[in-house]
Amino acid sequence: MTEWTKKKYNEAYTDYMPWIEDKVLGYWGENKTSYTAKEKLNTDVTGDKNVQAIQGGIAEGVGGQLSSGGLLGGVGDMTSKEGVNRAERGDPGLDPKELEKLNAQKKKEKGWTETLSMGYLGGSK
């Protein structure tokens, strides 16, 4: 009974903890990428208060740009969900056959430039 309980707990933890972490960080306007950048860049290397203040400012700046409301917020959100969460779960992503199928489907669809220009800008074949 205890082995089954451990297994089920670990499965639930692996499935739901990335979602919970994303929600908590989302309340602060952060994502895993921005939070990790702030944490890793803000280290005390020299022990000098001035250098530490500069380093802290750089860490906040980089992390702020990768946060949900920052200039690179889309990049931070995408790497948090598609990169960090998948790595935590051990999810390899799409297998090559599924990826090939999606790429073939995208080639059949019209791009936004072709749709807006009605093919006049060289978007159609």
PDB file of N, CA and C in Angstrom:
ATOM      1  N   MET A   1       0.819  -1.201   0.000  1.00  0.00           N
ATOM      2  CA  MET A   1       0.000   0.000   0.000  1.00  0.00           C
ATOM      3  C   MET A   1       0.859   1.260   0.000  1.00  0.00           C
ATOM      4  N   THR A   2       1.951   1.249   0.722  1.00  0.00           N
ATOM      5  CA  THR A   2       2.776   2.461   0.794  1.00  0.00           C
ATOM      6  C   THR A   2       3.491   2.746  -0.524  1.00  0.00           C
ATOM      7  N   GLU A   3       3.895   1.725  -1.253  1.00  0.00           N
ATOM      8  CA  GLU A   3       4.550   1.941  -2.543  1.00  0.00           C
ATOM      9  C   GLU A   3       3.572   2.578  -3.535  1.00  0.00           C
ATOM     10  N   TRP A   4       2.334   2.107  -3.541  1.00  0.00           N
ATOM     11  CA  TRP A   4       1.316   2.664  -4.416  1.00  0.00           C
ATOM     12  C   TRP A   4       1.075   4.132  -4.069  1.00  0.00           C
ATOM     13  N   THR A   5       1.006   4.434  -2.762  1.00  0.00           N
ATOM     14  CA  THR A   5       0.785   5.806  -2.310  1.00  0.00           C
ATOM     15  C   THR A   5       1.942   6.704  -2.726  1.00  0.00           C
ATOM     16  N   LYS A   6       3.166   6.250  -2.564  1.00  0.00           N
ATOM     17  CA  LYS A   6       4.336   7.030  -2.979  1.00  0.00           C
ATOM     18  C   LYS A   6       4.302   7.299  -4.482  1.00  0.00           C
ATOM     19  N   LYS A   7       3.963   6.261  -5.244  1.00  0.00           N
ATOM     20  CA  LYS A   7       3.924   6.396  -6.697  1.00  0.00           C
ATOM     21  C   LYS A   7       2.880   7.438  -7.116  1.00  0.00           C
ATOM     22  N   LYS A   8       1.695   7.337  -6.540  1.00  0.00           N
ATOM     23  CA  LYS A   8       0.619   8.274  -6.891  1.00  0.00           C
ATOM     24  C   LYS A   8       0.966   9.700  -6.465  1.00  0.00           C
ATOM     25  N   TYR A   9       1.565   9.846  -5.298  1.00  0.00           N
ATOM     26  CA  TYR A   9       1.977  11.177  -4.833  1.00  0.00           C
ATOM     27  C   TYR A   9       3.000  11.774  -5.797  1.00  0.00           C
ATOM     28  N   ASN A  10       4.003  10.986  -6.178  1.00  0.00           N
ATOM     29  CA  ASN A  10       5.028  11.478  -7.097  1.00  0.00           C
ATOM     30  C   ASN A  10       4.453  11.833  -8.460  1.00  0.00           C
ATOM     31  N   GLU A  11       3.502  11.041  -8.941  1.00  0.00           N
ATOM     32  CA  GLU A  11       2.858  11.357 -10.216  1.00  0.00           C
ATOM     33  C   GLU A  11       2.090  12.667 -10.127  1.00  0.00           C
ATOM     34  N   ALA A  12       1.332  12.849  -9.049  1.00  0.00           N
ATOM     35  CA  ALA A  12       0.563  14.083  -8.877  1.00  0.00           C
ATOM     36  C   ALA A  12       1.497  15.281  -8.719  1.00  0.00           C
ATOM     37  N   TYR A  13       2.568  15.109  -7.971  1.00  0.00           N
ATOM     38  CA  TYR A  13       3.542  16.196  -7.769  1.00  0.00           C
ATOM     39  C   TYR A  13       4.147  16.617  -9.100  1.00  0.00           C
ATOM     40  N   THR A  14       4.559  15.640  -9.903  1.00  0.00           N
ATOM     41  CA  THR A  14       5.163  15.926 -11.201  1.00  0.00           C
ATOM     42  C   THR A  14       4.178  16.606 -12.141  1.00  0.00           C
ATOM     43  N   ASP A  15       2.918  16.221 -12.072  1.00  0.00           N
ATOM     44  CA  ASP A  15       1.911  16.790 -12.962  1.00  0.00           C
ATOM     45  C   ASP A  15       1.467  18.190 -12.545  1.00  0.00           C
ATOM     46  N   TYR A  16       1.309  18.436 -11.243  1.00  0.00           N
ATOM     47  CA  TYR A  16       0.670  19.669 -10.796  1.00  0.00           C
ATOM     48  C   TYR A  16       1.606  20.738 -10.251  1.00  0.00           C
ATOM     49  N   MET A  17       2.788  20.385  -9.767  1.00  0.00           N
ATOM     50  CA  MET A  17       3.673  21.403  -9.194  1.00  0.00           C
ATOM     51  C   MET A  17       4.112  22.465 -10.203  1.00  0.00           C
ATOM     52  N   PRO A  18       4.461  22.116 -11.449  1.00  0.00           N
ATOM     53  CA  PRO A  18       4.796  23.184 -12.401  1.00  0.00           C
ATOM     54  C   PRO A  18       3.647  24.176 -12.594  1.00  0.00           C
ATOM     55  N   TRP A  19       2.423  23.675 -12.614  1.00  0.00           N
ATOM     56  CA  TRP A  19       1.259  24.554 -12.771  1.00  0.00           C
ATOM     57  C   TRP A  19       1.106  25.460 -11.555  1.00  0.00           C
ATOM     58  N   ILE A  20       1.259  24.894 -10.354  1.00  0.00           N
ATOM     59  CA  ILE A  20       1.140  25.684  -9.120  1.00  0.00           C
ATOM     60  C   ILE A  20       2.228  26.756  -9.069  1.00  0.00           C
ATOM     61  N   GLU A  21       3.469  26.376  -9.403  1.00  0.00           N
ATOM     62  CA  GLU A  21       4.561  27.348  -9.408  1.00  0.00           C
ATOM     63  C   GLU A  21       4.293  28.481 -10.387  1.00  0.00           C
ATOM     64  N   ASP A  22       3.790  28.138 -11.578  1.00  0.00           N
ATOM     65  CA  ASP A  22       3.458  29.162 -12.573  1.00  0.00           C
ATOM     66  C   ASP A  22       2.397  30.122 -12.043  1.00  0.00           C
ATOM     67  N   LYS A  23       1.389  29.594 -11.382  1.00  0.00           N
ATOM     68  CA  LYS A  23       0.320  30.441 -10.841  1.00  0.00           C
ATOM     69  C   LYS A  23       0.836  31.373  -9.758  1.00  0.00           C
ATOM     70  N   VAL A  24       1.645  30.861  -8.839  1.00  0.00           N
ATOM     71  CA  VAL A  24       2.179  31.689  -7.756  1.00  0.00           C
ATOM     72  C   VAL A  24       3.082  32.783  -8.324  1.00  0.00           C
ATOM     73  N   LEU A  25       3.968  32.430  -9.220  1.00  0.00           N
ATOM     74  CA  LEU A  25       4.844  33.440  -9.832  1.00  0.00           C
ATOM     75  C   LEU A  25       4.036  34.435 -10.658  1.00  0.00           C
ATOM     76  N   GLY A  26       2.947  33.968 -11.280  1.00  0.00           N
ATOM     77  CA  GLY A  26       2.088  34.856 -12.062  1.00  0.00           C
ATOM     78  C   GLY A  26       1.442  35.939 -11.216  1.00  0.00           C
ATOM     79  N   TYR A  27       1.124  35.632  -9.964  1.00  0.00           N
ATOM     80  CA  TYR A  27       0.561  36.646  -9.068  1.00  0.00           C
ATOM     81  C   TYR A  27       1.556  37.762  -8.809  1.00  0.00           C
ATOM     82  N   TRP A  28       2.845  37.457  -8.861  1.00  0.00           N
ATOM     83  CA  TRP A  28       3.889  38.463  -8.648  1.00  0.00           C
ATOM     84  C   TRP A  28       4.325  39.119  -9.950  1.00  0.00           C
ATOM     85  N   GLY A  29       3.726  38.720 -11.079  1.00  0.00           N
ATOM     86  CA  GLY A  29       4.118  39.262 -12.371  1.00  0.00           C
ATOM     87  C   GLY A  29       5.400  38.646 -12.892  1.00  0.00           C
ATOM     88  N   GLU A  30       5.747  37.493 -12.383  1.00  0.00           N
ATOM     89  CA  GLU A  30       6.986  36.813 -12.763  1.00  0.00           C
ATOM     90  C   GLU A  30       6.665  35.544 -13.530  1.00  0.00           C
ATOM     91  N   ASN A  31       7.688  34.957 -14.107  1.00  0.00           N
ATOM     92  CA  ASN A  31       7.629  33.605 -14.641  1.00  0.00           C
ATOM     93  C   ASN A  31       8.910  32.905 -14.203  1.00  0.00           C
ATOM     94  N   LYS A  32       9.038  31.630 -14.475  1.00  0.00           N
ATOM     95  CA  LYS A  32      10.194  30.889 -13.978  1.00  0.00           C
ATOM     96  C   LYS A  32      11.503  31.415 -14.571  1.00  0.00           C
ATOM     97  N   THR A  33      11.460  31.865 -15.812  1.00  0.00           N
ATOM     98  CA  THR A  33      12.670  32.374 -16.451  1.00  0.00           C
ATOM     99  C   THR A  33      13.136  33.652 -15.775  1.00  0.00           C
ATOM    100  N   SER A  34      12.240  34.598 -15.548  1.00  0.00           N
ATOM    101  CA  SER A  34      12.636  35.864 -14.925  1.00  0.00           C
ATOM    102  C   SER A  34      13.067  35.650 -13.477  1.00  0.00           C
ATOM    103  N   TYR A  35      12.356  34.798 -12.771  1.00  0.00           N
ATOM    104  CA  TYR A  35      12.695  34.524 -11.374  1.00  0.00           C
ATOM    105  C   TYR A  35      14.080  33.877 -11.269  1.00  0.00           C
ATOM    106  N   THR A  36      14.354  32.931 -12.150  1.00  0.00           N
ATOM    107  CA  THR A  36      15.649  32.260 -12.140  1.00  0.00           C
ATOM    108  C   THR A  36      16.763  33.223 -12.527  1.00  0.00           C
ATOM    109  N   ALA A  37      16.504  34.087 -13.522  1.00  0.00           N
ATOM    110  CA  ALA A  37      17.518  35.064 -13.924  1.00  0.00           C
ATOM    111  C   ALA A  37      17.860  35.995 -12.768  1.00  0.00           C
ATOM    112  N   LYS A  38      16.855  36.477 -12.069  1.00  0.00           N
ATOM    113  CA  LYS A  38      17.104  37.363 -10.928  1.00  0.00           C
ATOM    114  C   LYS A  38      17.889  36.638  -9.842  1.00  0.00           C
ATOM    115  N   GLU A  39      17.522  35.413  -9.586  1.00  0.00           N
ATOM    116  CA  GLU A  39      18.168  34.647  -8.522  1.00  0.00           C
ATOM    117  C   GLU A  39      19.624  34.328  -8.863  1.00  0.00           C
ATOM    118  N   LYS A  40      19.882  33.901 -10.088  1.00  0.00           N
ATOM    119  CA  LYS A  40      21.229  33.480 -10.471  1.00  0.00           C
ATOM    120  C   LYS A  40      22.164  34.663 -10.712  1.00  0.00           C
ATOM    121  N   LEU A  41      21.661  35.776 -11.206  1.00  0.00           N
ATOM    122  CA  LEU A  41      22.521  36.928 -11.477  1.00  0.00           C
ATOM    123  C   LEU A  41      22.834  37.732 -10.228  1.00  0.00           C
ATOM    124  N   ASN A  42      22.045  37.609  -9.198  1.00  0.00           N
ATOM    125  CA  ASN A  42      22.236  38.386  -7.977  1.00  0.00           C
ATOM    126  C   ASN A  42      23.018  37.559  -6.951  1.00  0.00           C
ATOM    127  N   THR A  43      24.324  37.422  -7.209  1.00  0.00           N
ATOM    128  CA  THR A  43      25.186  36.665  -6.303  1.00  0.00           C
ATOM    129  C   THR A  43      26.274  37.580  -5.772  1.00  0.00           C
ATOM    130  N   ASP A  44      26.724  37.330  -4.561  1.00  0.00           N
ATOM    131  CA  ASP A  44      27.769  38.134  -3.945  1.00  0.00           C
ATOM    132  C   ASP A  44      29.120  37.493  -4.252  1.00  0.00           C
ATOM    133  N   VAL A  45      29.833  38.059  -5.234  1.00  0.00           N
ATOM    134  CA  VAL A  45      31.101  37.494  -5.663  1.00  0.00           C
ATOM    135  C   VAL A  45      32.266  38.164  -4.931  1.00  0.00           C
ATOM    136  N   THR A  46      32.246  39.486  -4.842  1.00  0.00           N
ATOM    137  CA  THR A  46      33.395  40.215  -4.306  1.00  0.00           C
ATOM    138  C   THR A  46      33.251  40.582  -2.841  1.00  0.00           C
ATOM    139  N   GLY A  47      32.048  40.700  -2.349  1.00  0.00           N
ATOM    140  CA  GLY A  47      31.838  41.160  -0.980  1.00  0.00           C
ATOM    141  C   GLY A  47      31.763  42.679  -0.876  1.00  0.00           C
ATOM    142  N   ASP A  48      31.988  43.380  -1.971  1.00  0.00           N
ATOM    143  CA  ASP A  48      31.918  44.843  -2.010  1.00  0.00           C
ATOM    144  C   ASP A  48      30.461  45.270  -2.173  1.00  0.00           C
ATOM    145  N   LYS A  49      30.010  46.191  -1.321  1.00  0.00           N
ATOM    146  CA  LYS A  49      28.616  46.644  -1.360  1.00  0.00           C
ATOM    147  C   LYS A  49      28.282  47.352  -2.665  1.00  0.00           C
ATOM    148  N   ASN A  50      29.211  48.123  -3.201  1.00  0.00           N
ATOM    149  CA  ASN A  50      28.957  48.842  -4.456  1.00  0.00           C
ATOM    150  C   ASN A  50      28.803  47.874  -5.623  1.00  0.00           C
ATOM    151  N   VAL A  51      29.692  46.904  -5.704  1.00  0.00           N
ATOM    152  CA  VAL A  51      29.605  45.904  -6.772  1.00  0.00           C
ATOM    153  C   VAL A  51      28.319  45.094  -6.613  1.00  0.00           C
ATOM    154  N   GLN A  52      27.982  44.759  -5.374  1.00  0.00           N
ATOM    155  CA  GLN A  52      26.753  44.000  -5.108  1.00  0.00           C
ATOM    156  C   GLN A  52      25.521  44.803  -5.533  1.00  0.00           C
ATOM    157  N   ALA A  53      25.536  46.109  -5.295  1.00  0.00           N
ATOM    158  CA  ALA A  53      24.408  46.957  -5.695  1.00  0.00           C
ATOM    159  C   ALA A  53      24.275  46.996  -7.215  1.00  0.00           C
ATOM    160  N   ILE A  54      25.389  47.104  -7.912  1.00  0.00           N
ATOM    161  CA  ILE A  54      25.353  47.110  -9.384  1.00  0.00           C
ATOM    162  C   ILE A  54      24.854  45.766  -9.899  1.00  0.00           C
ATOM    163  N   GLN A  55      25.376  44.697  -9.332  1.00  0.00           N
ATOM    164  CA  GLN A  55      24.976  43.363  -9.747  1.00  0.00           C
ATOM    165  C   GLN A  55      23.484  43.127  -9.477  1.00  0.00           C
ATOM    166  N   GLY A  56      23.012  43.599  -8.337  1.00  0.00           N
ATOM    167  CA  GLY A  56      21.587  43.467  -8.019  1.00  0.00           C
ATOM    168  C   GLY A  56      20.719  44.239  -8.992  1.00  0.00           C
ATOM    169  N   GLY A  57      21.178  45.434  -9.385  1.00  0.00           N
ATOM    170  CA  GLY A  57      20.434  46.225 -10.367  1.00  0.00           C
ATOM    171  C   GLY A  57      20.380  45.553 -11.728  1.00  0.00           C
ATOM    172  N   ILE A  58      21.497  44.967 -12.130  1.00  0.00           N
ATOM    173  CA  ILE A  58      21.524  44.254 -13.410  1.00  0.00           C
ATOM    174  C   ILE A  58      20.594  43.042 -13.352  1.00  0.00           C
ATOM    175  N   ALA A  59      20.643  42.320 -12.247  1.00  0.00           N
ATOM    176  CA  ALA A  59      19.777  41.143 -12.094  1.00  0.00           C
ATOM    177  C   ALA A  59      18.303  41.542 -12.155  1.00  0.00           C
ATOM    178  N   GLU A  60      17.941  42.607 -11.469  1.00  0.00           N
ATOM    179  CA  GLU A  60      16.548  43.081 -11.505  1.00  0.00           C
ATOM    180  C   GLU A  60      16.160  43.538 -12.910  1.00  0.00           C
ATOM    181  N   GLY A  61      17.093  44.194 -13.604  1.00  0.00           N
ATOM    182  CA  GLY A  61      16.801  44.662 -14.961  1.00  0.00           C
ATOM    183  C   GLY A  61      16.580  43.530 -15.935  1.00  0.00           C
ATOM    184  N   VAL A  62      17.465  42.553 -15.909  1.00  0.00           N
ATOM    185  CA  VAL A  62      17.334  41.413 -16.814  1.00  0.00           C
ATOM    186  C   VAL A  62      16.085  40.605 -16.460  1.00  0.00           C
ATOM    187  N   GLY A  63      15.909  40.327 -15.182  1.00  0.00           N
ATOM    188  CA  GLY A  63      14.728  39.568 -14.756  1.00  0.00           C
ATOM    189  C   GLY A  63      13.437  40.308 -15.048  1.00  0.00           C
ATOM    190  N   GLY A  64      13.468  41.631 -14.883  1.00  0.00           N
ATOM    191  CA  GLY A  64      12.279  42.434 -15.174  1.00  0.00           C
ATOM    192  C   GLY A  64      11.902  42.414 -16.644  1.00  0.00           C
ATOM    193  N   GLN A  65      12.904  42.401 -17.525  1.00  0.00           N
ATOM    194  CA  GLN A  65      12.611  42.345 -18.958  1.00  0.00           C
ATOM    195  C   GLN A  65      12.027  40.992 -19.356  1.00  0.00           C
ATOM    196  N   LEU A  66      12.426  39.924 -18.656  1.00  0.00           N
ATOM    197  CA  LEU A  66      11.912  38.588 -18.957  1.00  0.00           C
ATOM    198  C   LEU A  66      10.604  38.280 -18.239  1.00  0.00           C
ATOM    199  N   SER A  67      10.185  39.158 -17.310  1.00  0.00           N
ATOM    200  CA  SER A  67       8.935  38.918 -16.591  1.00  0.00           C
ATOM    201  C   SER A  67       7.741  39.118 -17.508  1.00  0.00           C
ATOM    202  N   SER A  68       6.571  38.760 -17.041  1.00  0.00           N
ATOM    203  CA  SER A  68       5.373  38.778 -17.884  1.00  0.00           C
ATOM    204  C   SER A  68       5.050  40.155 -18.462  1.00  0.00           C
ATOM    205  N   GLY A  69       5.379  41.222 -17.754  1.00  0.00           N
ATOM    206  CA  GLY A  69       5.084  42.560 -18.260  1.00  0.00           C
ATOM    207  C   GLY A  69       6.272  43.241 -18.922  1.00  0.00           C
ATOM    208  N   GLY A  70       7.398  42.544 -19.029  1.00  0.00           N
ATOM    209  CA  GLY A  70       8.617  43.137 -19.568  1.00  0.00           C
ATOM    210  C   GLY A  70       8.677  43.112 -21.080  1.00  0.00           C
ATOM    211  N   LEU A  71       9.718  43.735 -21.601  1.00  0.00           N
ATOM    212  CA  LEU A  71       9.923  43.810 -23.046  1.00  0.00           C
ATOM    213  C   LEU A  71      10.064  42.420 -23.659  1.00  0.00           C
ATOM    214  N   LEU A  72      10.744  41.540 -22.979  1.00  0.00           N
ATOM    215  CA  LEU A  72      10.927  40.166 -23.447  1.00  0.00           C
ATOM    216  C   LEU A  72      10.024  39.192 -22.700  1.00  0.00           C
ATOM    217  N   GLY A  73       8.866  39.672 -22.275  1.00  0.00           N
ATOM    218  CA  GLY A  73       7.931  38.854 -21.508  1.00  0.00           C
ATOM    219  C   GLY A  73       7.458  37.627 -22.253  1.00  0.00           C
ATOM    220  N   GLY A  74       7.234  37.762 -23.552  1.00  0.00           N
ATOM    221  CA  GLY A  74       6.801  36.612 -24.348  1.00  0.00           C
ATOM    222  C   GLY A  74       7.851  35.521 -24.383  1.00  0.00           C
ATOM    223  N   VAL A  75       9.116  35.942 -24.496  1.00  0.00           N
ATOM    224  CA  VAL A  75      10.218  34.975 -24.499  1.00  0.00           C
ATOM    225  C   VAL A  75      10.301  34.290 -23.138  1.00  0.00           C
ATOM    226  N   GLY A  76      10.198  35.085 -22.064  1.00  0.00           N
ATOM    227  CA  GLY A  76      10.252  34.517 -20.721  1.00  0.00           C
ATOM    228  C   GLY A  76       9.113  33.561 -20.454  1.00  0.00           C
ATOM    229  N   ASP A  77       7.889  33.949 -20.869  1.00  0.00           N
ATOM    230  CA  ASP A  77       6.732  33.072 -20.663  1.00  0.00           C
ATOM    231  C   ASP A  77       6.873  31.773 -21.449  1.00  0.00           C
ATOM    232  N   MET A  78       7.319  31.890 -22.699  1.00  0.00           N
ATOM    233  CA  MET A  78       7.445  30.700 -23.532  1.00  0.00           C
ATOM    234  C   MET A  78       8.515  29.756 -22.998  1.00  0.00           C
ATOM    235  N   THR A  79       9.668  30.300 -22.628  1.00  0.00           N
ATOM    236  CA  THR A  79      10.721  29.419 -22.112  1.00  0.00           C
ATOM    237  C   THR A  79      10.331  28.819 -20.773  1.00  0.00           C
ATOM    238  N   SER A  80       9.528  29.535 -19.993  1.00  0.00           N
ATOM    239  CA  SER A  80       9.057  28.973 -18.721  1.00  0.00           C
ATOM    240  C   SER A  80       8.145  27.784 -18.963  1.00  0.00           C
ATOM    241  N   LYS A  81       7.183  27.957 -19.853  1.00  0.00           N
ATOM    242  CA  LYS A  81       6.199  26.901 -20.077  1.00  0.00           C
ATOM    243  C   LYS A  81       6.745  25.770 -20.932  1.00  0.00           C
ATOM    244  N   GLU A  82       7.411  26.124 -22.027  1.00  0.00           N
ATOM    245  CA  GLU A  82       7.865  25.094 -22.958  1.00  0.00           C
ATOM    246  C   GLU A  82       9.213  24.503 -22.588  1.00  0.00           C
ATOM    247  N   GLY A  83      10.052  25.257 -21.925  1.00  0.00           N
ATOM    248  CA  GLY A  83      11.379  24.765 -21.592  1.00  0.00           C
ATOM    249  C   GLY A  83      11.496  24.250 -20.182  1.00  0.00           C
ATOM    250  N   VAL A  84      11.282  25.134 -19.222  1.00  0.00           N
ATOM    251  CA  VAL A  84      11.506  24.782 -17.822  1.00  0.00           C
ATOM    252  C   VAL A  84      10.502  23.731 -17.351  1.00  0.00           C
ATOM    253  N   ASN A  85       9.230  23.944 -17.629  1.00  0.00           N
ATOM    254  CA  ASN A  85       8.220  22.984 -17.165  1.00  0.00           C
ATOM    255  C   ASN A  85       8.428  21.611 -17.784  1.00  0.00           C
ATOM    256  N   ARG A  86       8.750  21.567 -19.075  1.00  0.00           N
ATOM    257  CA  ARG A  86       8.984  20.267 -19.714  1.00  0.00           C
ATOM    258  C   ARG A  86      10.217  19.591 -19.136  1.00  0.00           C
ATOM    259  N   ALA A  87      11.241  20.365 -18.859  1.00  0.00           N
ATOM    260  CA  ALA A  87      12.456  19.790 -18.277  1.00  0.00           C
ATOM    261  C   ALA A  87      12.175  19.230 -16.887  1.00  0.00           C
ATOM    262  N   GLU A  88      11.366  19.951 -16.108  1.00  0.00           N
ATOM    263  CA  GLU A  88      11.025  19.466 -14.768  1.00  0.00           C
ATOM    264  C   GLU A  88      10.231  18.167 -14.826  1.00  0.00           C
ATOM    265  N   ARG A  89       9.354  18.052 -15.809  1.00  0.00           N
ATOM    266  CA  ARG A  89       8.537  16.839 -15.924  1.00  0.00           C
ATOM    267  C   ARG A  89       9.259  15.722 -16.675  1.00  0.00           C
ATOM    268  N   GLY A  90      10.365  16.061 -17.328  1.00  0.00           N
ATOM    269  CA  GLY A  90      11.058  15.069 -18.151  1.00  0.00           C
ATOM    270  C   GLY A  90      10.338  14.823 -19.457  1.00  0.00           C
ATOM    271  N   ASP A  91       9.577  15.809 -19.937  1.00  0.00           N
ATOM    272  CA  ASP A  91       8.798  15.704 -21.167  1.00  0.00           C
ATOM    273  C   ASP A  91       9.679  16.062 -22.351  1.00  0.00           C
ATOM    274  N   PRO A  92       9.880  15.163 -23.297  1.00  0.00           N
ATOM    275  CA  PRO A  92      10.748  15.466 -24.429  1.00  0.00           C
ATOM    276  C   PRO A  92      10.096  16.356 -25.482  1.00  0.00           C
ATOM    277  N   GLY A  93       8.816  16.603 -25.388  1.00  0.00           N
ATOM    278  CA  GLY A  93       8.133  17.397 -26.405  1.00  0.00           C
ATOM    279  C   GLY A  93       7.532  16.500 -27.469  1.00  0.00           C
ATOM    280  N   LEU A  94       7.374  17.019 -28.677  1.00  0.00           N
ATOM    281  CA  LEU A  94       6.782  16.262 -29.767  1.00  0.00           C
ATOM    282  C   LEU A  94       7.785  15.274 -30.348  1.00  0.00           C
ATOM    283  N   ASP A  95       7.280  14.134 -30.745  1.00  0.00           N
ATOM    284  CA  ASP A  95       8.168  13.206 -31.435  1.00  0.00           C
ATOM    285  C   ASP A  95       8.316  13.679 -32.891  1.00  0.00           C
ATOM    286  N   PRO A  96       9.340  13.256 -33.585  1.00  0.00           N
ATOM    287  CA  PRO A  96       9.621  13.755 -34.940  1.00  0.00           C
ATOM    288  C   PRO A  96       8.473  13.575 -35.932  1.00  0.00           C
ATOM    289  N   LYS A  97       7.710  12.485 -35.811  1.00  0.00           N
ATOM    290  CA  LYS A  97       6.596  12.264 -36.743  1.00  0.00           C
ATOM    291  C   LYS A  97       5.506  13.309 -36.549  1.00  0.00           C
ATOM    292  N   GLU A  98       5.171  13.624 -35.284  1.00  0.00           N
ATOM    293  CA  GLU A  98       4.155  14.645 -35.017  1.00  0.00           C
ATOM    294  C   GLU A  98       4.638  16.015 -35.487  1.00  0.00           C
ATOM    295  N   LEU A  99       5.908  16.308 -35.269  1.00  0.00           N
ATOM    296  CA  LEU A  99       6.471  17.583 -35.690  1.00  0.00           C
ATOM    297  C   LEU A  99       6.429  17.720 -37.211  1.00  0.00           C
ATOM    298  N   GLU A 100       6.745  16.663 -37.913  1.00  0.00           N
ATOM    299  CA  GLU A 100       6.694  16.667 -39.369  1.00  0.00           C
ATOM    300  C   GLU A 100       5.265  16.902 -39.863  1.00  0.00           C
ATOM    301  N   LYS A 101       4.296  16.284 -39.194  1.00  0.00           N
ATOM    302  CA  LYS A 101       2.884  16.448 -39.556  1.00  0.00           C
ATOM    303  C   LYS A 101       2.438  17.906 -39.343  1.00  0.00           C
ATOM    304  N   LEU A 102       2.855  18.518 -38.216  1.00  0.00           N
ATOM    305  CA  LEU A 102       2.500  19.919 -37.958  1.00  0.00           C
ATOM    306  C   LEU A 102       3.135  20.860 -38.971  1.00  0.00           C
ATOM    307  N   ASN A 103       4.385  20.606 -39.325  1.00  0.00           N
ATOM    308  CA  ASN A 103       5.056  21.452 -40.316  1.00  0.00           C
ATOM    309  C   ASN A 103       4.387  21.353 -41.683  1.00  0.00           C
ATOM    310  N   ALA A 104       3.964  20.164 -42.067  1.00  0.00           N
ATOM    311  CA  ALA A 104       3.262  19.989 -43.340  1.00  0.00           C
ATOM    312  C   ALA A 104       1.928  20.735 -43.324  1.00  0.00           C
ATOM    313  N   GLN A 105       1.251  20.715 -42.191  1.00  0.00           N
ATOM    314  CA  GLN A 105      -0.025  21.420 -42.071  1.00  0.00           C
ATOM    315  C   GLN A 105       0.182  22.931 -42.155  1.00  0.00           C
ATOM    316  N   LYS A 106       1.241  23.442 -41.531  1.00  0.00           N
ATOM    317  CA  LYS A 106       1.519  24.879 -41.568  1.00  0.00           C
ATOM    318  C   LYS A 106       1.848  25.354 -42.977  1.00  0.00           C
ATOM    319  N   LYS A 107       2.510  24.515 -43.760  1.00  0.00           N
ATOM    320  CA  LYS A 107       2.846  24.888 -45.135  1.00  0.00           C
ATOM    321  C   LYS A 107       1.579  25.051 -45.981  1.00  0.00           C
ATOM    322  N   LYS A 108       0.539  24.284 -45.678  1.00  0.00           N
ATOM    323  CA  LYS A 108      -0.713  24.364 -46.421  1.00  0.00           C
ATOM    324  C   LYS A 108      -1.518  25.608 -46.072  1.00  0.00           C
ATOM    325  N   GLU A 109      -1.349  26.108 -44.830  1.00  0.00           N
ATOM    326  CA  GLU A 109      -2.115  27.264 -44.372  1.00  0.00           C
ATOM    327  C   GLU A 109      -1.498  28.559 -44.922  1.00  0.00           C
ATOM    328  N   LYS A 110      -2.336  29.565 -45.093  1.00  0.00           N
ATOM    329  CA  LYS A 110      -1.851  30.863 -45.526  1.00  0.00           C
ATOM    330  C   LYS A 110      -1.205  31.582 -44.360  1.00  0.00           C
ATOM    331  N   GLY A 111      -0.134  32.295 -44.649  1.00  0.00           N
ATOM    332  CA  GLY A 111       0.493  33.130 -43.637  1.00  0.00           C
ATOM    333  C   GLY A 111      -0.274  34.440 -43.495  1.00  0.00           C
ATOM    334  N   TRP A 112      -0.011  35.199 -42.436  1.00  0.00           N
ATOM    335  CA  TRP A 112      -0.748  36.441 -42.200  1.00  0.00           C
ATOM    336  C   TRP A 112      -0.426  37.493 -43.247  1.00  0.00           C
ATOM    337  N   THR A 113       0.809  37.489 -43.798  1.00  0.00           N
ATOM    338  CA  THR A 113       1.136  38.485 -44.832  1.00  0.00           C
ATOM    339  C   THR A 113       0.388  38.189 -46.120  1.00  0.00           C
ATOM    340  N   GLU A 114       0.256  36.921 -46.434  1.00  0.00           N
ATOM    341  CA  GLU A 114      -0.481  36.549 -47.639  1.00  0.00           C
ATOM    342  C   GLU A 114      -1.959  36.880 -47.480  1.00  0.00           C
ATOM    343  N   THR A 115      -2.487  36.659 -46.291  1.00  0.00           N
ATOM    344  CA  THR A 115      -3.894  36.956 -46.041  1.00  0.00           C
ATOM    345  C   THR A 115      -4.162  38.453 -46.133  1.00  0.00           C
ATOM    346  N   LEU A 116      -3.301  39.273 -45.519  1.00  0.00           N
ATOM    347  CA  LEU A 116      -3.517  40.718 -45.523  1.00  0.00           C
ATOM    348  C   LEU A 116      -3.279  41.354 -46.886  1.00  0.00           C
ATOM    349  N   SER A 117      -2.277  40.853 -47.624  1.00  0.00           N
ATOM    350  CA  SER A 117      -1.940  41.477 -48.911  1.00  0.00           C
ATOM    351  C   SER A 117      -2.642  40.814 -50.081  1.00  0.00           C
ATOM    352  N   MET A 118      -3.419  39.773 -49.809  1.00  0.00           N
ATOM    353  CA  MET A 118      -4.123  39.002 -50.835  1.00  0.00           C
ATOM    354  C   MET A 118      -3.155  38.468 -51.883  1.00  0.00           C
ATOM    355  N   GLY A 119      -1.907  38.183 -51.458  1.00  0.00           N
ATOM    356  CA  GLY A 119      -0.931  37.603 -52.357  1.00  0.00           C
ATOM    357  C   GLY A 119      -0.129  38.600 -53.166  1.00  0.00           C
ATOM    358  N   TYR A 120      -0.409  39.915 -53.047  1.00  0.00           N
ATOM    359  CA  TYR A 120       0.260  40.914 -53.869  1.00  0.00           C
ATOM    360  C   TYR A 120       1.709  41.168 -53.460  1.00  0.00           C
ATOM    361  N   LEU A 121       2.109  40.765 -52.250  1.00  0.00           N
ATOM    362  CA  LEU A 121       3.474  41.002 -51.808  1.00  0.00           C
ATOM    363  C   LEU A 121       4.361  39.770 -51.988  1.00  0.00           C
ATOM    364  N   GLY A 122       3.944  38.866 -52.801  1.00  0.00           N
ATOM    365  CA  GLY A 122       4.756  37.683 -53.063  1.00  0.00           C
ATOM    366  C   GLY A 122       4.546  36.582 -52.068  1.00  0.00           C
ATOM    367  N   GLY A 123       3.514  36.667 -51.264  1.00  0.00           N
ATOM    368  CA  GLY A 123       3.280  35.653 -50.246  1.00  0.00           C
ATOM    369  C   GLY A 123       2.623  34.399 -50.785  1.00  0.00           C
ATOM    370  N   SER A 124       1.987  34.505 -51.964  1.00  0.00           N
ATOM    371  CA  SER A 124       1.312  33.319 -52.490  1.00  0.00           C
ATOM    372  C   SER A 124       2.214  32.601 -53.472  1.00  0.00           C
ATOM    373  N   LYS A 125       1.879  31.365 -53.763  1.00  0.00           N
ATOM    374  CA  LYS A 125       2.693  30.556 -54.684  1.00  0.00           C
ATOM    375  C   LYS A 125       2.044  30.499 -56.032  1.00  0.00           C
TER     376      LYS A 125
END
